[in-house]
PDB file of N, CA and C in Angstrom:
ATOM      1  N   UNK A   1     -17.730 -11.140  -9.100  1.00  0.00           N
ATOM      2  CA  UNK A   1     -16.883 -10.325  -8.270  1.00  0.00           C
ATOM      3  C   UNK A   1     -16.203  -9.296  -9.047  1.00  0.00           C
ATOM      4  N   UNK A   2     -16.330  -8.047  -8.636  1.00  0.00           N
ATOM      5  CA  UNK A   2     -15.711  -6.880  -9.268  1.00  0.00           C
ATOM      6  C   UNK A   2     -14.612  -6.363  -8.427  1.00  0.00           C
ATOM      7  N   UNK A   3     -13.405  -6.103  -8.973  1.00  0.00           N
ATOM      8  CA  UNK A   3     -12.323  -5.578  -8.188  1.00  0.00           C
ATOM      9  C   UNK A   3     -11.943  -4.182  -8.785  1.00  0.00           C
ATOM     10  N   UNK A   4     -11.728  -3.219  -7.857  1.00  0.00           N
ATOM     11  CA  UNK A   4     -11.222  -1.963  -8.329  1.00  0.00           C
ATOM     12  C   UNK A   4      -9.804  -1.770  -7.702  1.00  0.00           C
ATOM     13  N   UNK A   5      -8.937  -1.155  -8.534  1.00  0.00           N
ATOM     14  CA  UNK A   5      -7.562  -0.967  -8.105  1.00  0.00           C
ATOM     15  C   UNK A   5      -7.333   0.570  -7.982  1.00  0.00           C
ATOM     16  N   UNK A   6      -6.793   0.962  -6.874  1.00  0.00           N
ATOM     17  CA  UNK A   6      -6.429   2.353  -6.626  1.00  0.00           C
ATOM     18  C   UNK A   6      -4.941   2.501  -6.615  1.00  0.00           C
ATOM     19  N   UNK A   7      -4.357   3.335  -7.352  1.00  0.00           N
ATOM     20  CA  UNK A   7      -2.957   3.638  -7.341  1.00  0.00           C
ATOM     21  C   UNK A   7      -2.640   4.889  -6.570  1.00  0.00           C
ATOM     22  N   UNK A   8      -1.605   4.807  -5.787  1.00  0.00           N
ATOM     23  CA  UNK A   8      -1.197   6.022  -4.978  1.00  0.00           C
ATOM     24  C   UNK A   8       0.265   5.983  -4.705  1.00  0.00           C
ATOM     25  N   UNK A   9       0.774   7.042  -4.185  1.00  0.00           N
ATOM     26  CA  UNK A   9       2.177   7.099  -3.724  1.00  0.00           C
ATOM     27  C   UNK A   9       2.223   7.516  -2.258  1.00  0.00           C
ATOM     28  N   UNK A  10       3.196   6.968  -1.582  1.00  0.00           N
ATOM     29  CA  UNK A  10       3.441   7.428  -0.201  1.00  0.00           C
ATOM     30  C   UNK A  10       4.916   7.800  -0.048  1.00  0.00           C
ATOM     31  N   UNK A  11       5.226   8.738   0.773  1.00  0.00           N
ATOM     32  CA  UNK A  11       6.575   9.088   1.021  1.00  0.00           C
ATOM     33  C   UNK A  11       6.887   8.887   2.548  1.00  0.00           C
ATOM     34  N   UNK A  12       7.920   8.149   2.728  1.00  0.00           N
ATOM     35  CA  UNK A  12       8.379   7.850   4.100  1.00  0.00           C
ATOM     36  C   UNK A  12       9.574   8.745   4.380  1.00  0.00           C
ATOM     37  N   UNK A  13       9.495   9.448   5.479  1.00  0.00           N
ATOM     38  CA  UNK A  13      10.656  10.287   5.887  1.00  0.00           C
ATOM     39  C   UNK A  13      11.658   9.551   6.694  1.00  0.00           C
ATOM     40  N   UNK A  14      11.345   8.278   7.029  1.00  0.00           N
ATOM     41  CA  UNK A  14      12.245   7.431   7.864  1.00  0.00           C
ATOM     42  C   UNK A  14      12.162   5.976   7.349  1.00  0.00           C
ATOM     43  N   UNK A  15      13.163   5.160   7.630  1.00  0.00           N
ATOM     44  CA  UNK A  15      13.057   3.770   7.263  1.00  0.00           C
ATOM     45  C   UNK A  15      11.926   3.091   8.001  1.00  0.00           C
ATOM     46  N   UNK A  16      11.340   2.029   7.388  1.00  0.00           N
ATOM     47  CA  UNK A  16      10.210   1.271   8.045  1.00  0.00           C
ATOM     48  C   UNK A  16      10.340  -0.152   7.759  1.00  0.00           C
ATOM     49  N   UNK A  17       9.601  -1.025   8.489  1.00  0.00           N
ATOM     50  CA  UNK A  17       9.628  -2.442   8.379  1.00  0.00           C
ATOM     51  C   UNK A  17       8.316  -2.935   7.888  1.00  0.00           C
ATOM     52  N   UNK A  18       8.353  -3.984   7.020  1.00  0.00           N
ATOM     53  CA  UNK A  18       7.147  -4.750   6.669  1.00  0.00           C
ATOM     54  C   UNK A  18       7.455  -6.213   6.880  1.00  0.00           C
ATOM     55  N   UNK A  19       6.545  -6.983   7.335  1.00  0.00           N
ATOM     56  CA  UNK A  19       6.750  -8.417   7.564  1.00  0.00           C
ATOM     57  C   UNK A  19       7.195  -9.201   6.356  1.00  0.00           C
ATOM     58  N   UNK A  20       6.747  -8.790   5.144  1.00  0.00           N
ATOM     59  CA  UNK A  20       7.074  -9.505   3.929  1.00  0.00           C
ATOM     60  C   UNK A  20       8.508  -9.263   3.365  1.00  0.00           C
ATOM     61  N   UNK A  21       9.163  -8.318   3.987  1.00  0.00           N
ATOM     62  CA  UNK A  21      10.463  -7.917   3.386  1.00  0.00           C
ATOM     63  C   UNK A  21      11.490  -7.945   4.527  1.00  0.00           C
ATOM     64  N   UNK A  22      12.645  -8.570   4.234  1.00  0.00           N
ATOM     65  CA  UNK A  22      13.767  -8.686   5.215  1.00  0.00           C
ATOM     66  C   UNK A  22      14.473  -7.327   5.310  1.00  0.00           C
ATOM     67  N   UNK A  23      14.499  -6.847   6.507  1.00  0.00           N
ATOM     68  CA  UNK A  23      15.281  -5.594   6.720  1.00  0.00           C
ATOM     69  C   UNK A  23      14.410  -4.356   6.539  1.00  0.00           C
ATOM     70  N   UNK A  24      14.990  -3.228   6.831  1.00  0.00           N
ATOM     71  CA  UNK A  24      14.224  -1.939   6.772  1.00  0.00           C
ATOM     72  C   UNK A  24      14.161  -1.548   5.274  1.00  0.00           C
ATOM     73  N   UNK A  25      13.054  -0.832   4.977  1.00  0.00           N
ATOM     74  CA  UNK A  25      13.011  -0.188   3.694  1.00  0.00           C
ATOM     75  C   UNK A  25      13.428   1.246   3.901  1.00  0.00           C
ATOM     76  N   UNK A  26      14.224   1.793   3.009  1.00  0.00           N
ATOM     77  CA  UNK A  26      14.697   3.130   3.244  1.00  0.00           C
ATOM     78  C   UNK A  26      13.654   4.220   3.026  1.00  0.00           C
ATOM     79  N   UNK A  27      13.921   5.394   3.614  1.00  0.00           N
ATOM     80  CA  UNK A  27      12.995   6.483   3.421  1.00  0.00           C
ATOM     81  C   UNK A  27      12.961   6.824   1.896  1.00  0.00           C
ATOM     82  N   UNK A  28      11.822   7.243   1.407  1.00  0.00           N
ATOM     83  CA  UNK A  28      11.643   7.493   0.051  1.00  0.00           C
ATOM     84  C   UNK A  28      10.154   7.436  -0.362  1.00  0.00           C
ATOM     85  N   UNK A  29       9.940   7.565  -1.634  1.00  0.00           N
ATOM     86  CA  UNK A  29       8.610   7.539  -2.225  1.00  0.00           C
ATOM     87  C   UNK A  29       8.366   6.149  -2.836  1.00  0.00           C
ATOM     88  N   UNK A  30       7.179   5.637  -2.496  1.00  0.00           N
ATOM     89  CA  UNK A  30       6.786   4.249  -2.894  1.00  0.00           C
ATOM     90  C   UNK A  30       5.470   4.286  -3.587  1.00  0.00           C
ATOM     91  N   UNK A  31       5.387   3.589  -4.719  1.00  0.00           N
ATOM     92  CA  UNK A  31       4.084   3.381  -5.412  1.00  0.00           C
ATOM     93  C   UNK A  31       3.364   2.182  -4.755  1.00  0.00           C
ATOM     94  N   UNK A  32       2.028   2.362  -4.611  1.00  0.00           N
ATOM     95  CA  UNK A  32       1.159   1.342  -3.963  1.00  0.00           C
ATOM     96  C   UNK A  32      -0.063   1.103  -4.858  1.00  0.00           C
ATOM     97  N   UNK A  33      -0.459  -0.107  -5.138  1.00  0.00           N
ATOM     98  CA  UNK A  33      -1.698  -0.504  -5.725  1.00  0.00           C
ATOM     99  C   UNK A  33      -2.537  -1.188  -4.597  1.00  0.00           C
ATOM    100  N   UNK A  34      -3.729  -0.733  -4.471  1.00  0.00           N
ATOM    101  CA  UNK A  34      -4.678  -1.366  -3.486  1.00  0.00           C
ATOM    102  C   UNK A  34      -5.834  -1.917  -4.275  1.00  0.00           C
ATOM    103  N   UNK A  35      -6.074  -3.166  -4.175  1.00  0.00           N
ATOM    104  CA  UNK A  35      -7.214  -3.919  -4.743  1.00  0.00           C
ATOM    105  C   UNK A  35      -8.310  -4.031  -3.736  1.00  0.00           C
ATOM    106  N   UNK A  36      -9.578  -3.725  -4.145  1.00  0.00           N
ATOM    107  CA  UNK A  36     -10.684  -3.807  -3.277  1.00  0.00           C
ATOM    108  C   UNK A  36     -11.816  -4.513  -3.987  1.00  0.00           C
ATOM    109  N   UNK A  37     -12.544  -5.355  -3.357  1.00  0.00           N
ATOM    110  CA  UNK A  37     -13.655  -6.112  -3.867  1.00  0.00           C
ATOM    111  C   UNK A  37     -14.860  -5.288  -3.544  1.00  0.00           C
ATOM    112  N   UNK A  38     -15.740  -5.146  -4.569  1.00  0.00           N
ATOM    113  CA  UNK A  38     -17.004  -4.393  -4.376  1.00  0.00           C
ATOM    114  C   UNK A  38     -17.986  -5.288  -3.786  1.00  0.00           C
ATOM    115  N   UNK A  39     -18.624  -4.877  -2.735  1.00  0.00           N
ATOM    116  CA  UNK A  39     -19.674  -5.646  -2.077  1.00  0.00           C
ATOM    117  C   UNK A  39     -20.938  -4.777  -2.141  1.00  0.00           C
ATOM    118  N   UNK A  40     -21.877  -5.216  -3.039  1.00  0.00           N
ATOM    119  CA  UNK A  40     -23.055  -4.408  -3.164  1.00  0.00           C
ATOM    120  C   UNK A  40     -24.104  -4.867  -2.223  1.00  0.00           C
ATOM    121  N   UNK A  41     -24.743  -3.864  -1.543  1.00  0.00           N
ATOM    122  CA  UNK A  41     -25.807  -4.086  -0.638  1.00  0.00           C
ATOM    123  C   UNK A  41     -27.060  -3.554  -1.152  1.00  0.00           C
ATOM    124  N   UNK A  42     -28.129  -3.637  -0.289  1.00  0.00           N
ATOM    125  CA  UNK A  42     -29.414  -3.164  -0.687  1.00  0.00           C
ATOM    126  C   UNK A  42     -29.421  -1.616  -0.741  1.00  0.00           C
ATOM    127  N   UNK A  43     -28.726  -1.012   0.234  1.00  0.00           N
ATOM    128  CA  UNK A  43     -28.800   0.480   0.312  1.00  0.00           C
ATOM    129  C   UNK A  43     -27.514   1.160   0.008  1.00  0.00           C
ATOM    130  N   UNK A  44     -26.373   0.461   0.079  1.00  0.00           N
ATOM    131  CA  UNK A  44     -25.095   1.124  -0.206  1.00  0.00           C
ATOM    132  C   UNK A  44     -24.084   0.074  -0.777  1.00  0.00           C
ATOM    133  N   UNK A  45     -23.025   0.634  -1.355  1.00  0.00           N
ATOM    134  CA  UNK A  45     -21.908  -0.207  -1.813  1.00  0.00           C
ATOM    135  C   UNK A  45     -20.778  -0.097  -0.856  1.00  0.00           C
ATOM    136  N   UNK A  46     -20.123  -1.235  -0.545  1.00  0.00           N
ATOM    137  CA  UNK A  46     -18.948  -1.245   0.341  1.00  0.00           C
ATOM    138  C   UNK A  46     -17.794  -1.856  -0.400  1.00  0.00           C
ATOM    139  N   UNK A  47     -16.586  -1.570   0.083  1.00  0.00           N
ATOM    140  CA  UNK A  47     -15.359  -2.084  -0.531  1.00  0.00           C
ATOM    141  C   UNK A  47     -14.583  -2.868   0.515  1.00  0.00           C
ATOM    142  N   UNK A  48     -14.153  -4.049   0.169  1.00  0.00           N
ATOM    143  CA  UNK A  48     -13.299  -4.844   1.109  1.00  0.00           C
ATOM    144  C   UNK A  48     -11.863  -4.924   0.472  1.00  0.00           C
ATOM    145  N   UNK A  49     -10.865  -4.486   1.228  1.00  0.00           N
ATOM    146  CA  UNK A  49      -9.503  -4.442   0.711  1.00  0.00           C
ATOM    147  C   UNK A  49      -8.988  -5.954   0.697  1.00  0.00           C
ATOM    148  N   UNK A  50      -8.595  -6.332  -0.476  1.00  0.00           N
ATOM    149  CA  UNK A  50      -8.179  -7.782  -0.709  1.00  0.00           C
ATOM    150  C   UNK A  50      -6.793  -7.929  -1.093  1.00  0.00           C
ATOM    151  N   UNK A  51      -6.064  -6.855  -1.416  1.00  0.00           N
ATOM    152  CA  UNK A  51      -4.686  -6.977  -1.811  1.00  0.00           C
ATOM    153  C   UNK A  51      -4.033  -5.589  -1.830  1.00  0.00           C
ATOM    154  N   UNK A  52      -2.722  -5.643  -1.523  1.00  0.00           N
ATOM    155  CA  UNK A  52      -1.869  -4.396  -1.697  1.00  0.00           C
ATOM    156  C   UNK A  52      -0.584  -4.825  -2.261  1.00  0.00           C
ATOM    157  N   UNK A  53      -0.101  -4.077  -3.320  1.00  0.00           N
ATOM    158  CA  UNK A  53       1.177  -4.301  -3.932  1.00  0.00           C
ATOM    159  C   UNK A  53       2.008  -3.077  -3.750  1.00  0.00           C
ATOM    160  N   UNK A  54       3.271  -3.291  -3.364  1.00  0.00           N
ATOM    161  CA  UNK A  54       4.251  -2.281  -3.112  1.00  0.00           C
ATOM    162  C   UNK A  54       5.306  -2.420  -4.123  1.00  0.00           C
ATOM    163  N   UNK A  55       5.625  -1.354  -4.782  1.00  0.00           N
ATOM    164  CA  UNK A  55       6.616  -1.353  -5.857  1.00  0.00           C
ATOM    165  C   UNK A  55       7.923  -0.803  -5.274  1.00  0.00           C
ATOM    166  N   UNK A  56       8.992  -1.660  -5.330  1.00  0.00           N
ATOM    167  CA  UNK A  56      10.305  -1.271  -4.838  1.00  0.00           C
ATOM    168  C   UNK A  56      11.222  -1.057  -5.995  1.00  0.00           C
ATOM    169  N   UNK A  57      11.872   0.120  -6.015  1.00  0.00           N
ATOM    170  CA  UNK A  57      12.857   0.429  -7.097  1.00  0.00           C
ATOM    171  C   UNK A  57      14.248   0.576  -6.453  1.00  0.00           C
ATOM    172  N   UNK A  58      15.154  -0.080  -7.103  1.00  0.00           N
ATOM    173  CA  UNK A  58      16.560  -0.021  -6.637  1.00  0.00           C
ATOM    174  C   UNK A  58      17.494  -0.285  -7.773  1.00  0.00           C
ATOM    175  N   UNK A  59      18.421   0.668  -7.915  1.00  0.00           N
ATOM    176  CA  UNK A  59      19.511   0.559  -8.979  1.00  0.00           C
ATOM    177  C   UNK A  59      18.927   0.215 -10.353  1.00  0.00           C
ATOM    178  N   UNK A  60      17.911   0.816 -10.770  1.00  0.00           N
ATOM    179  CA  UNK A  60      17.352   0.588 -12.140  1.00  0.00           C
ATOM    180  C   UNK A  60      16.487  -0.663 -12.227  1.00  0.00           C
ATOM    181  N   UNK A  61      16.222  -1.338 -11.167  1.00  0.00           N
ATOM    182  CA  UNK A  61      15.344  -2.521 -11.200  1.00  0.00           C
ATOM    183  C   UNK A  61      14.045  -2.189 -10.390  1.00  0.00           C
ATOM    184  N   UNK A  62      13.053  -3.013 -10.657  1.00  0.00           N
ATOM    185  CA  UNK A  62      11.805  -2.855  -9.848  1.00  0.00           C
ATOM    186  C   UNK A  62      11.325  -4.213  -9.389  1.00  0.00           C
ATOM    187  N   UNK A  63      10.950  -4.298  -8.184  1.00  0.00           N
ATOM    188  CA  UNK A  63      10.457  -5.477  -7.596  1.00  0.00           C
ATOM    189  C   UNK A  63       9.027  -5.166  -7.040  1.00  0.00           C
ATOM    190  N   UNK A  64       8.030  -6.038  -7.342  1.00  0.00           N
ATOM    191  CA  UNK A  64       6.671  -5.897  -6.838  1.00  0.00           C
ATOM    192  C   UNK A  64       6.525  -6.894  -5.734  1.00  0.00           C
ATOM    193  N   UNK A  65       6.064  -6.412  -4.564  1.00  0.00           N
ATOM    194  CA  UNK A  65       5.827  -7.244  -3.418  1.00  0.00           C
ATOM    195  C   UNK A  65       4.430  -7.171  -2.934  1.00  0.00           C
ATOM    196  N   UNK A  66       3.839  -8.318  -2.827  1.00  0.00           N
ATOM    197  CA  UNK A  66       2.408  -8.372  -2.279  1.00  0.00           C
ATOM    198  C   UNK A  66       2.535  -8.341  -0.769  1.00  0.00           C
ATOM    199  N   UNK A  67       1.904  -7.295  -0.235  1.00  0.00           N
ATOM    200  CA  UNK A  67       1.928  -7.160   1.283  1.00  0.00           C
ATOM    201  C   UNK A  67       0.543  -7.323   1.856  1.00  0.00           C
ATOM    202  N   UNK A  68       0.523  -7.788   3.006  1.00  0.00           N
ATOM    203  CA  UNK A  68      -0.834  -8.010   3.672  1.00  0.00           C
ATOM    204  C   UNK A  68      -1.513  -6.634   3.865  1.00  0.00           C
ATOM    205  N   UNK A  69      -2.730  -6.541   3.385  1.00  0.00           N
ATOM    206  CA  UNK A  69      -3.413  -5.309   3.511  1.00  0.00           C
ATOM    207  C   UNK A  69      -3.579  -4.777   4.969  1.00  0.00           C
ATOM    208  N   UNK A  70      -3.848  -5.694   5.885  1.00  0.00           N
ATOM    209  CA  UNK A  70      -3.982  -5.327   7.279  1.00  0.00           C
ATOM    210  C   UNK A  70      -2.659  -4.890   7.882  1.00  0.00           C
ATOM    211  N   UNK A  71      -1.554  -5.584   7.458  1.00  0.00           N
ATOM    212  CA  UNK A  71      -0.228  -5.178   7.930  1.00  0.00           C
ATOM    213  C   UNK A  71       0.161  -3.814   7.415  1.00  0.00           C
ATOM    214  N   UNK A  72      -0.050  -3.604   6.167  1.00  0.00           N
ATOM    215  CA  UNK A  72       0.207  -2.292   5.536  1.00  0.00           C
ATOM    216  C   UNK A  72      -0.589  -1.205   6.239  1.00  0.00           C
ATOM    217  N   UNK A  73      -1.805  -1.411   6.522  1.00  0.00           N
ATOM    218  CA  UNK A  73      -2.668  -0.435   7.221  1.00  0.00           C
ATOM    219  C   UNK A  73      -2.112  -0.144   8.658  1.00  0.00           C
ATOM    220  N   UNK A  74      -1.635  -1.169   9.297  1.00  0.00           N
ATOM    221  CA  UNK A  74      -0.984  -1.045  10.613  1.00  0.00           C
ATOM    222  C   UNK A  74       0.309  -0.129  10.467  1.00  0.00           C
ATOM    223  N   UNK A  75       1.124  -0.384   9.572  1.00  0.00           N
ATOM    224  CA  UNK A  75       2.352   0.365   9.324  1.00  0.00           C
ATOM    225  C   UNK A  75       1.941   1.800   8.984  1.00  0.00           C
ATOM    226  N   UNK A  76       0.923   1.927   8.112  1.00  0.00           N
ATOM    227  CA  UNK A  76       0.495   3.265   7.736  1.00  0.00           C
ATOM    228  C   UNK A  76       0.090   4.094   8.852  1.00  0.00           C
ATOM    229  N   UNK A  77      -0.755   3.462   9.786  1.00  0.00           N
ATOM    230  CA  UNK A  77      -1.244   4.205  10.935  1.00  0.00           C
ATOM    231  C   UNK A  77      -0.164   4.545  11.883  1.00  0.00           C
ATOM    232  N   UNK A  78       0.755   3.620  12.205  1.00  0.00           N
ATOM    233  CA  UNK A  78       1.835   3.716  13.143  1.00  0.00           C
ATOM    234  C   UNK A  78       2.742   4.844  12.705  1.00  0.00           C
ATOM    235  N   UNK A  79       3.070   4.875  11.395  1.00  0.00           N
ATOM    236  CA  UNK A  79       4.027   5.792  10.868  1.00  0.00           C
ATOM    237  C   UNK A  79       3.417   7.062  10.215  1.00  0.00           C
ATOM    238  N   UNK A  80       2.192   7.292  10.533  1.00  0.00           N
ATOM    239  CA  UNK A  80       1.499   8.358   9.820  1.00  0.00           C
ATOM    240  C   UNK A  80       2.290   9.673   9.929  1.00  0.00           C
ATOM    241  N   UNK A  81       2.988   9.903  10.950  1.00  0.00           N
ATOM    242  CA  UNK A  81       3.744  11.141  10.972  1.00  0.00           C
ATOM    243  C   UNK A  81       4.916  11.109  10.018  1.00  0.00           C
ATOM    244  N   UNK A  82       5.384   9.861   9.708  1.00  0.00           N
ATOM    245  CA  UNK A  82       6.595   9.709   8.804  1.00  0.00           C
ATOM    246  C   UNK A  82       6.167   9.405   7.429  1.00  0.00           C
ATOM    247  N   UNK A  83       4.959   8.802   7.168  1.00  0.00           N
ATOM    248  CA  UNK A  83       4.553   8.505   5.849  1.00  0.00           C
ATOM    249  C   UNK A  83       3.523   9.636   5.430  1.00  0.00           C
ATOM    250  N   UNK A  84       3.664  10.116   4.244  1.00  0.00           N
ATOM    251  CA  UNK A  84       2.669  11.090   3.734  1.00  0.00           C
ATOM    252  C   UNK A  84       2.204  10.714   2.410  1.00  0.00           C
ATOM    253  N   UNK A  85       0.921  10.617   2.261  1.00  0.00           N
ATOM    254  CA  UNK A  85       0.296  10.214   0.992  1.00  0.00           C
ATOM    255  C   UNK A  85       0.431  11.427   0.031  1.00  0.00           C
ATOM    256  N   UNK A  86       1.012  11.128  -1.122  1.00  0.00           N
ATOM    257  CA  UNK A  86       1.255  12.227  -2.105  1.00  0.00           C
ATOM    258  C   UNK A  86       0.001  12.417  -2.986  1.00  0.00           C
ATOM    259  N   UNK A  87      -0.425  11.354  -3.607  1.00  0.00           N
ATOM    260  CA  UNK A  87      -1.569  11.492  -4.546  1.00  0.00           C
ATOM    261  C   UNK A  87      -2.065  10.182  -5.022  1.00  0.00           C
ATOM    262  N   UNK A  88      -3.233  10.201  -5.501  1.00  0.00           N
ATOM    263  CA  UNK A  88      -3.793   9.012  -6.220  1.00  0.00           C
ATOM    264  C   UNK A  88      -3.676   9.429  -7.743  1.00  0.00           C
ATOM    265  N   UNK A  89      -3.261   8.479  -8.516  1.00  0.00           N
ATOM    266  CA  UNK A  89      -3.131   8.758  -9.943  1.00  0.00           C
ATOM    267  C   UNK A  89      -3.731   7.597 -10.769  1.00  0.00           C
TER     268      UNK A  89
END
C-alpha cells in the first residue's frame, strides 16, 4: 500500500464548524494534509482519500486534528464561497 500526502492551505473568510472540534473555527488560513492511497488498475491509477489533517495555530501553539475526509469535503463544498484554496506546497 502506497500513500501520497498533499499539503495545501485554505483560507476561510467566515467561521466554520467541523464535527471533530467543539465550537466554531475562526476565519483565517489553515494548513491541510490530505493522505491518499494509490489504487493501481489495469488501465489507470486512482487515489482514495484515507485521511485529512488540519493544523490549528493559536497563541504560539499548534494542534493537529485528524478530520473525517468525507466531512471535510462536505464543509469544503458547502463553504466554497467562503473557503479559498491558496496553494499546494
